[in-house]
Amino acid sequence: MFRWPIFVYYEDTDAGGVVYHSNYLNFFERARSQWLKHMGVKQTQLLNDDIAFVVKKAELDFKVAARFEQDLFVETEVIQLKRASLLFRQRLVDDDGLLYCEGQVLVACVALSQMKPRAIPQNIVQEFDGGS
């Protein structure tokens, strides 16, 4: 599991200081990108190699409204790893473990020039599969 800190900025909220619903997807995206960076994967290099990760499906369940100026964490784990896709479980929580939002995001690996599925690079598979 990967855990990434999120600070809720004013721009993330509506007029009432509550996180706008689509911004939870942004938080989750940021955490997945940071996980790749943490593993030493440079997404610019992937793009140069005609490889991209695209969201195929996202499902969110909102529990408690997150608010302006909160310090939160996105917890991310891979729950299914296939040849050309990854299914992530992601949760937005606070320091006490209170759950604000949880979701599953299916991400496909594609050959960018054709937007067709391709195998996830082996070095990334090994990282997500626990280095085995």
N, C-alpha and C. Protein backbone atom coordinates (compact mmCIF):
# COMPACT_ATOMS: atom_id res chain seq x y z
N MET A 1 0.84 -1.18 0.00
CA MET A 1 0.00 0.00 0.00
C MET A 1 0.89 1.25 0.00
N PHE A 2 0.41 2.26 -0.68
CA PHE A 2 1.11 3.54 -0.77
C PHE A 2 0.22 4.60 -0.13
N ARG A 3 0.82 5.46 0.67
CA ARG A 3 0.07 6.51 1.37
C ARG A 3 0.65 7.86 0.99
N TRP A 4 -0.21 8.78 0.51
CA TRP A 4 0.24 10.09 0.04
C TRP A 4 -0.56 11.20 0.72
N PRO A 5 0.13 12.22 1.26
CA PRO A 5 -0.59 13.32 1.92
C PRO A 5 -1.27 14.25 0.92
N ILE A 6 -2.44 14.72 1.30
CA ILE A 6 -3.22 15.67 0.50
C ILE A 6 -3.63 16.81 1.43
N PHE A 7 -3.41 18.03 0.98
CA PHE A 7 -3.92 19.21 1.68
C PHE A 7 -5.06 19.77 0.84
N VAL A 8 -6.17 20.07 1.47
CA VAL A 8 -7.33 20.58 0.75
C VAL A 8 -7.20 22.10 0.60
N TYR A 9 -7.00 22.52 -0.64
CA TYR A 9 -6.90 23.94 -0.96
C TYR A 9 -8.28 24.52 -1.24
N TYR A 10 -8.38 25.85 -1.17
CA TYR A 10 -9.64 26.52 -1.45
C TYR A 10 -10.16 26.14 -2.84
N GLU A 11 -9.24 26.04 -3.80
CA GLU A 11 -9.63 25.70 -5.18
C GLU A 11 -10.23 24.31 -5.31
N ASP A 12 -10.05 23.45 -4.30
CA ASP A 12 -10.61 22.10 -4.31
C ASP A 12 -12.06 22.08 -3.85
N THR A 13 -12.54 23.22 -3.33
CA THR A 13 -13.84 23.24 -2.66
C THR A 13 -14.88 24.06 -3.41
N ASP A 14 -16.12 23.89 -2.97
CA ASP A 14 -17.21 24.72 -3.48
C ASP A 14 -17.33 25.96 -2.60
N ALA A 15 -18.35 26.74 -2.81
CA ALA A 15 -18.52 27.99 -2.06
C ALA A 15 -18.69 27.76 -0.56
N GLY A 16 -19.07 26.57 -0.17
CA GLY A 16 -19.25 26.26 1.25
C GLY A 16 -18.02 25.66 1.92
N GLY A 17 -16.91 25.56 1.18
CA GLY A 17 -15.69 24.99 1.75
C GLY A 17 -15.65 23.47 1.78
N VAL A 18 -16.56 22.84 1.04
CA VAL A 18 -16.63 21.38 0.96
C VAL A 18 -15.96 20.95 -0.35
N VAL A 19 -15.17 19.88 -0.28
CA VAL A 19 -14.49 19.39 -1.49
C VAL A 19 -15.53 19.03 -2.54
N TYR A 20 -15.34 19.60 -3.73
CA TYR A 20 -16.21 19.33 -4.87
C TYR A 20 -16.02 17.87 -5.29
N HIS A 21 -17.10 17.18 -5.62
CA HIS A 21 -17.06 15.73 -5.82
C HIS A 21 -16.01 15.25 -6.83
N SER A 22 -15.82 15.96 -7.92
CA SER A 22 -14.86 15.49 -8.94
C SER A 22 -13.42 15.61 -8.47
N ASN A 23 -13.16 16.43 -7.47
CA ASN A 23 -11.79 16.60 -7.00
C ASN A 23 -11.26 15.39 -6.23
N TYR A 24 -12.14 14.53 -5.76
CA TYR A 24 -11.67 13.29 -5.14
C TYR A 24 -10.92 12.45 -6.19
N LEU A 25 -11.41 12.48 -7.42
CA LEU A 25 -10.71 11.78 -8.50
C LEU A 25 -9.33 12.39 -8.73
N ASN A 26 -9.23 13.72 -8.63
CA ASN A 26 -7.93 14.37 -8.77
C ASN A 26 -6.98 13.94 -7.66
N PHE A 27 -7.48 13.87 -6.44
CA PHE A 27 -6.65 13.42 -5.31
C PHE A 27 -6.14 12.00 -5.56
N PHE A 28 -7.04 11.13 -6.03
CA PHE A 28 -6.66 9.74 -6.28
C PHE A 28 -5.65 9.65 -7.41
N GLU A 29 -5.84 10.45 -8.45
CA GLU A 29 -4.90 10.47 -9.58
C GLU A 29 -3.52 10.91 -9.11
N ARG A 30 -3.49 11.96 -8.31
CA ARG A 30 -2.21 12.46 -7.78
C ARG A 30 -1.48 11.37 -7.01
N ALA A 31 -2.21 10.64 -6.19
CA ALA A 31 -1.59 9.59 -5.38
C ALA A 31 -1.02 8.48 -6.26
N ARG A 32 -1.77 8.08 -7.30
CA ARG A 32 -1.25 7.04 -8.20
C ARG A 32 0.01 7.52 -8.93
N SER A 33 -0.01 8.78 -9.37
CA SER A 33 1.16 9.34 -10.06
C SER A 33 2.36 9.42 -9.12
N GLN A 34 2.11 9.81 -7.88
CA GLN A 34 3.21 9.89 -6.91
C GLN A 34 3.77 8.51 -6.58
N TRP A 35 2.93 7.50 -6.61
CA TRP A 35 3.40 6.14 -6.37
C TRP A 35 4.36 5.73 -7.48
N LEU A 36 4.00 6.00 -8.72
CA LEU A 36 4.91 5.72 -9.83
C LEU A 36 6.23 6.46 -9.65
N LYS A 37 6.15 7.74 -9.32
CA LYS A 37 7.36 8.53 -9.10
C LYS A 37 8.21 7.95 -7.98
N HIS A 38 7.55 7.54 -6.90
CA HIS A 38 8.24 6.93 -5.75
C HIS A 38 8.98 5.65 -6.16
N MET A 39 8.41 4.92 -7.15
CA MET A 39 9.04 3.69 -7.64
C MET A 39 10.16 3.98 -8.64
N GLY A 40 10.35 5.28 -8.98
CA GLY A 40 11.39 5.63 -9.94
C GLY A 40 10.92 5.61 -11.38
N VAL A 41 9.62 5.49 -11.60
CA VAL A 41 9.07 5.48 -12.95
C VAL A 41 8.80 6.91 -13.39
N LYS A 42 9.40 7.29 -14.50
CA LYS A 42 9.18 8.63 -15.05
C LYS A 42 8.11 8.54 -16.14
N GLN A 43 7.01 9.21 -15.90
CA GLN A 43 5.92 9.13 -16.86
C GLN A 43 6.28 9.78 -18.19
N THR A 44 7.17 10.77 -18.18
CA THR A 44 7.60 11.36 -19.45
C THR A 44 8.34 10.32 -20.29
N GLN A 45 9.11 9.46 -19.63
CA GLN A 45 9.80 8.40 -20.36
C GLN A 45 8.81 7.40 -20.93
N LEU A 46 7.78 7.08 -20.14
CA LEU A 46 6.75 6.17 -20.64
C LEU A 46 6.10 6.75 -21.89
N LEU A 47 5.77 8.04 -21.84
CA LEU A 47 5.15 8.69 -23.01
C LEU A 47 6.08 8.66 -24.21
N ASN A 48 7.37 8.89 -23.96
CA ASN A 48 8.36 8.81 -25.06
C ASN A 48 8.43 7.41 -25.65
N ASP A 49 8.13 6.41 -24.82
CA ASP A 49 8.14 5.01 -25.26
C ASP A 49 6.77 4.56 -25.76
N ASP A 50 5.85 5.53 -25.97
CA ASP A 50 4.51 5.26 -26.50
C ASP A 50 3.64 4.46 -25.52
N ILE A 51 3.88 4.67 -24.23
CA ILE A 51 3.14 3.97 -23.19
C ILE A 51 2.38 4.99 -22.34
N ALA A 52 1.11 4.72 -22.11
CA ALA A 52 0.34 5.58 -21.22
C ALA A 52 -0.60 4.73 -20.38
N PHE A 53 -0.96 5.26 -19.24
CA PHE A 53 -1.97 4.64 -18.39
C PHE A 53 -3.22 5.52 -18.45
N VAL A 54 -4.35 4.91 -18.77
CA VAL A 54 -5.60 5.65 -18.88
C VAL A 54 -6.66 5.03 -17.97
N VAL A 55 -7.47 5.88 -17.39
CA VAL A 55 -8.55 5.39 -16.54
C VAL A 55 -9.66 4.84 -17.43
N LYS A 56 -10.01 3.59 -17.18
CA LYS A 56 -11.09 2.94 -17.93
C LYS A 56 -12.39 3.00 -17.16
N LYS A 57 -12.31 2.91 -15.84
CA LYS A 57 -13.51 2.92 -15.01
C LYS A 57 -13.16 3.45 -13.63
N ALA A 58 -14.05 4.25 -13.07
CA ALA A 58 -13.87 4.76 -11.71
C ALA A 58 -15.19 4.69 -10.98
N GLU A 59 -15.13 4.22 -9.75
CA GLU A 59 -16.32 4.10 -8.92
C GLU A 59 -15.98 4.67 -7.55
N LEU A 60 -16.75 5.67 -7.10
CA LEU A 60 -16.49 6.33 -5.83
C LEU A 60 -17.66 6.17 -4.89
N ASP A 61 -17.36 6.10 -3.61
CA ASP A 61 -18.37 6.05 -2.57
C ASP A 61 -18.00 7.13 -1.55
N PHE A 62 -18.83 8.18 -1.48
CA PHE A 62 -18.56 9.31 -0.60
C PHE A 62 -19.13 9.01 0.78
N LYS A 63 -18.31 9.18 1.81
CA LYS A 63 -18.70 8.84 3.18
C LYS A 63 -18.92 10.09 4.04
N VAL A 64 -17.89 10.95 4.09
CA VAL A 64 -17.92 12.17 4.90
C VAL A 64 -17.33 13.29 4.04
N ALA A 65 -17.91 14.46 4.11
CA ALA A 65 -17.41 15.58 3.30
C ALA A 65 -16.05 16.05 3.81
N ALA A 66 -15.08 16.09 2.90
CA ALA A 66 -13.78 16.69 3.23
C ALA A 66 -13.92 18.20 3.06
N ARG A 67 -13.12 18.95 3.83
CA ARG A 67 -13.30 20.40 3.86
C ARG A 67 -11.98 21.15 3.68
N PHE A 68 -12.15 22.41 3.36
CA PHE A 68 -11.05 23.34 3.17
C PHE A 68 -10.06 23.29 4.34
N GLU A 69 -8.78 23.26 3.98
CA GLU A 69 -7.63 23.29 4.89
C GLU A 69 -7.45 22.02 5.72
N GLN A 70 -8.04 20.91 5.29
CA GLN A 70 -7.79 19.65 5.97
C GLN A 70 -6.52 19.01 5.44
N ASP A 71 -5.81 18.34 6.33
CA ASP A 71 -4.69 17.49 5.97
C ASP A 71 -5.21 16.06 5.96
N LEU A 72 -5.13 15.43 4.79
CA LEU A 72 -5.66 14.09 4.62
C LEU A 72 -4.62 13.20 3.95
N PHE A 73 -4.96 11.94 3.79
CA PHE A 73 -4.08 10.99 3.12
C PHE A 73 -4.88 10.16 2.12
N VAL A 74 -4.26 9.88 0.99
CA VAL A 74 -4.83 8.90 0.06
C VAL A 74 -4.05 7.61 0.23
N GLU A 75 -4.76 6.55 0.57
CA GLU A 75 -4.16 5.22 0.67
C GLU A 75 -4.51 4.48 -0.62
N THR A 76 -3.49 3.94 -1.25
CA THR A 76 -3.66 3.31 -2.57
C THR A 76 -3.05 1.92 -2.54
N GLU A 77 -3.80 0.97 -3.07
CA GLU A 77 -3.25 -0.39 -3.22
C GLU A 77 -3.77 -1.01 -4.50
N VAL A 78 -2.96 -1.87 -5.07
CA VAL A 78 -3.37 -2.63 -6.25
C VAL A 78 -4.09 -3.87 -5.74
N ILE A 79 -5.34 -4.06 -6.19
CA ILE A 79 -6.08 -5.25 -5.76
C ILE A 79 -6.22 -6.27 -6.89
N GLN A 80 -5.89 -5.85 -8.11
CA GLN A 80 -5.89 -6.80 -9.23
C GLN A 80 -4.89 -6.32 -10.27
N LEU A 81 -4.02 -7.22 -10.64
CA LEU A 81 -2.99 -6.91 -11.63
C LEU A 81 -3.14 -7.90 -12.78
N LYS A 82 -3.44 -7.35 -13.96
CA LYS A 82 -3.55 -8.17 -15.16
C LYS A 82 -2.48 -7.75 -16.15
N ARG A 83 -2.44 -8.41 -17.27
CA ARG A 83 -1.41 -8.15 -18.29
C ARG A 83 -1.38 -6.68 -18.71
N ALA A 84 -2.55 -6.08 -18.91
CA ALA A 84 -2.62 -4.70 -19.42
C ALA A 84 -3.47 -3.78 -18.57
N SER A 85 -3.77 -4.20 -17.33
CA SER A 85 -4.58 -3.33 -16.49
C SER A 85 -4.27 -3.54 -15.01
N LEU A 86 -4.62 -2.51 -14.25
CA LEU A 86 -4.45 -2.51 -12.80
C LEU A 86 -5.76 -2.03 -12.19
N LEU A 87 -6.21 -2.72 -11.16
CA LEU A 87 -7.38 -2.26 -10.42
C LEU A 87 -6.88 -1.76 -9.07
N PHE A 88 -7.10 -0.47 -8.82
CA PHE A 88 -6.67 0.15 -7.57
C PHE A 88 -7.84 0.31 -6.62
N ARG A 89 -7.60 0.10 -5.34
CA ARG A 89 -8.52 0.51 -4.28
C ARG A 89 -7.88 1.74 -3.65
N GLN A 90 -8.65 2.82 -3.54
CA GLN A 90 -8.12 4.04 -2.97
C GLN A 90 -9.09 4.58 -1.92
N ARG A 91 -8.49 5.13 -0.87
CA ARG A 91 -9.27 5.65 0.25
C ARG A 91 -8.70 7.00 0.67
N LEU A 92 -9.58 7.96 0.93
CA LEU A 92 -9.17 9.25 1.48
C LEU A 92 -9.52 9.22 2.96
N VAL A 93 -8.49 9.36 3.80
CA VAL A 93 -8.67 9.25 5.25
C VAL A 93 -7.93 10.39 5.95
N ASP A 94 -8.27 10.59 7.22
CA ASP A 94 -7.50 11.54 8.02
C ASP A 94 -6.54 10.78 8.92
N ASP A 95 -5.83 11.52 9.75
CA ASP A 95 -4.82 10.92 10.63
C ASP A 95 -5.42 9.91 11.61
N ASP A 96 -6.69 10.08 11.94
CA ASP A 96 -7.35 9.17 12.88
C ASP A 96 -7.99 7.97 12.19
N GLY A 97 -7.88 7.92 10.85
CA GLY A 97 -8.46 6.81 10.10
C GLY A 97 -9.89 7.02 9.66
N LEU A 98 -10.44 8.22 9.90
CA LEU A 98 -11.80 8.50 9.45
C LEU A 98 -11.83 8.47 7.93
N LEU A 99 -12.77 7.72 7.38
CA LEU A 99 -12.89 7.53 5.93
C LEU A 99 -13.79 8.60 5.34
N TYR A 100 -13.28 9.35 4.36
CA TYR A 100 -14.03 10.39 3.67
C TYR A 100 -14.59 9.89 2.35
N CYS A 101 -13.79 9.14 1.62
CA CYS A 101 -14.20 8.64 0.31
C CYS A 101 -13.37 7.41 0.00
N GLU A 102 -13.99 6.45 -0.65
CA GLU A 102 -13.24 5.29 -1.12
C GLU A 102 -13.69 4.97 -2.52
N GLY A 103 -12.81 4.32 -3.24
CA GLY A 103 -13.17 4.00 -4.60
C GLY A 103 -12.29 2.94 -5.20
N GLN A 104 -12.71 2.50 -6.36
CA GLN A 104 -11.91 1.59 -7.17
C GLN A 104 -11.74 2.25 -8.53
N VAL A 105 -10.50 2.19 -9.00
CA VAL A 105 -10.17 2.79 -10.29
C VAL A 105 -9.45 1.74 -11.13
N LEU A 106 -10.03 1.46 -12.30
CA LEU A 106 -9.43 0.52 -13.24
C LEU A 106 -8.61 1.33 -14.24
N VAL A 107 -7.32 1.03 -14.32
CA VAL A 107 -6.40 1.75 -15.19
C VAL A 107 -5.85 0.78 -16.21
N ALA A 108 -5.93 1.16 -17.48
CA ALA A 108 -5.43 0.33 -18.57
C ALA A 108 -4.11 0.90 -19.09
N CYS A 109 -3.23 0.01 -19.47
CA CYS A 109 -1.98 0.39 -20.11
C CYS A 109 -2.22 0.33 -21.62
N VAL A 110 -1.88 1.42 -22.32
CA VAL A 110 -2.12 1.47 -23.76
C VAL A 110 -0.88 1.92 -24.52
N ALA A 111 -0.84 1.51 -25.79
CA ALA A 111 0.11 2.09 -26.73
C ALA A 111 -0.51 3.42 -27.13
N LEU A 112 0.09 4.51 -26.73
CA LEU A 112 -0.52 5.83 -26.86
C LEU A 112 -0.86 6.19 -28.30
N SER A 113 0.01 5.85 -29.23
CA SER A 113 -0.21 6.23 -30.63
C SER A 113 -1.44 5.56 -31.24
N GLN A 114 -1.80 4.40 -30.70
CA GLN A 114 -2.94 3.66 -31.23
C GLN A 114 -4.12 3.61 -30.26
N MET A 115 -3.88 3.98 -29.01
CA MET A 115 -4.87 3.88 -27.94
C MET A 115 -5.45 2.47 -27.85
N LYS A 116 -4.52 1.50 -27.95
CA LYS A 116 -4.89 0.09 -27.84
C LYS A 116 -4.13 -0.52 -26.67
N PRO A 117 -4.75 -1.52 -26.00
CA PRO A 117 -4.09 -2.15 -24.86
C PRO A 117 -2.71 -2.70 -25.22
N ARG A 118 -1.82 -2.60 -24.26
CA ARG A 118 -0.49 -3.21 -24.37
C ARG A 118 -0.08 -3.69 -22.99
N ALA A 119 0.86 -4.59 -22.97
CA ALA A 119 1.32 -5.14 -21.69
C ALA A 119 1.96 -4.05 -20.84
N ILE A 120 1.70 -4.13 -19.54
CA ILE A 120 2.35 -3.22 -18.60
C ILE A 120 3.83 -3.57 -18.58
N PRO A 121 4.73 -2.57 -18.65
CA PRO A 121 6.16 -2.87 -18.61
C PRO A 121 6.52 -3.72 -17.38
N GLN A 122 7.41 -4.66 -17.59
CA GLN A 122 7.75 -5.64 -16.55
C GLN A 122 8.28 -4.99 -15.28
N ASN A 123 9.07 -3.92 -15.40
CA ASN A 123 9.60 -3.29 -14.19
C ASN A 123 8.47 -2.73 -13.31
N ILE A 124 7.41 -2.25 -13.94
CA ILE A 124 6.27 -1.73 -13.19
C ILE A 124 5.47 -2.88 -12.58
N VAL A 125 5.28 -3.94 -13.34
CA VAL A 125 4.59 -5.12 -12.83
C VAL A 125 5.30 -5.63 -11.58
N GLN A 126 6.62 -5.72 -11.64
CA GLN A 126 7.38 -6.22 -10.48
C GLN A 126 7.20 -5.33 -9.26
N GLU A 127 7.20 -4.03 -9.45
CA GLU A 127 7.00 -3.11 -8.33
C GLU A 127 5.62 -3.29 -7.70
N PHE A 128 4.59 -3.32 -8.53
CA PHE A 128 3.23 -3.46 -8.01
C PHE A 128 2.96 -4.85 -7.47
N ASP A 129 3.72 -5.83 -7.92
CA ASP A 129 3.53 -7.21 -7.49
C ASP A 129 4.43 -7.55 -6.31
N GLY A 130 4.97 -6.53 -5.66
CA GLY A 130 5.78 -6.75 -4.46
C GLY A 130 7.22 -7.09 -4.74
N GLY A 131 7.70 -6.73 -5.94
CA GLY A 131 9.10 -6.94 -6.26
C GLY A 131 9.46 -8.38 -6.61
N SER A 132 8.44 -9.23 -6.77
CA SER A 132 8.75 -10.64 -7.07
C SER A 132 9.10 -10.86 -8.52
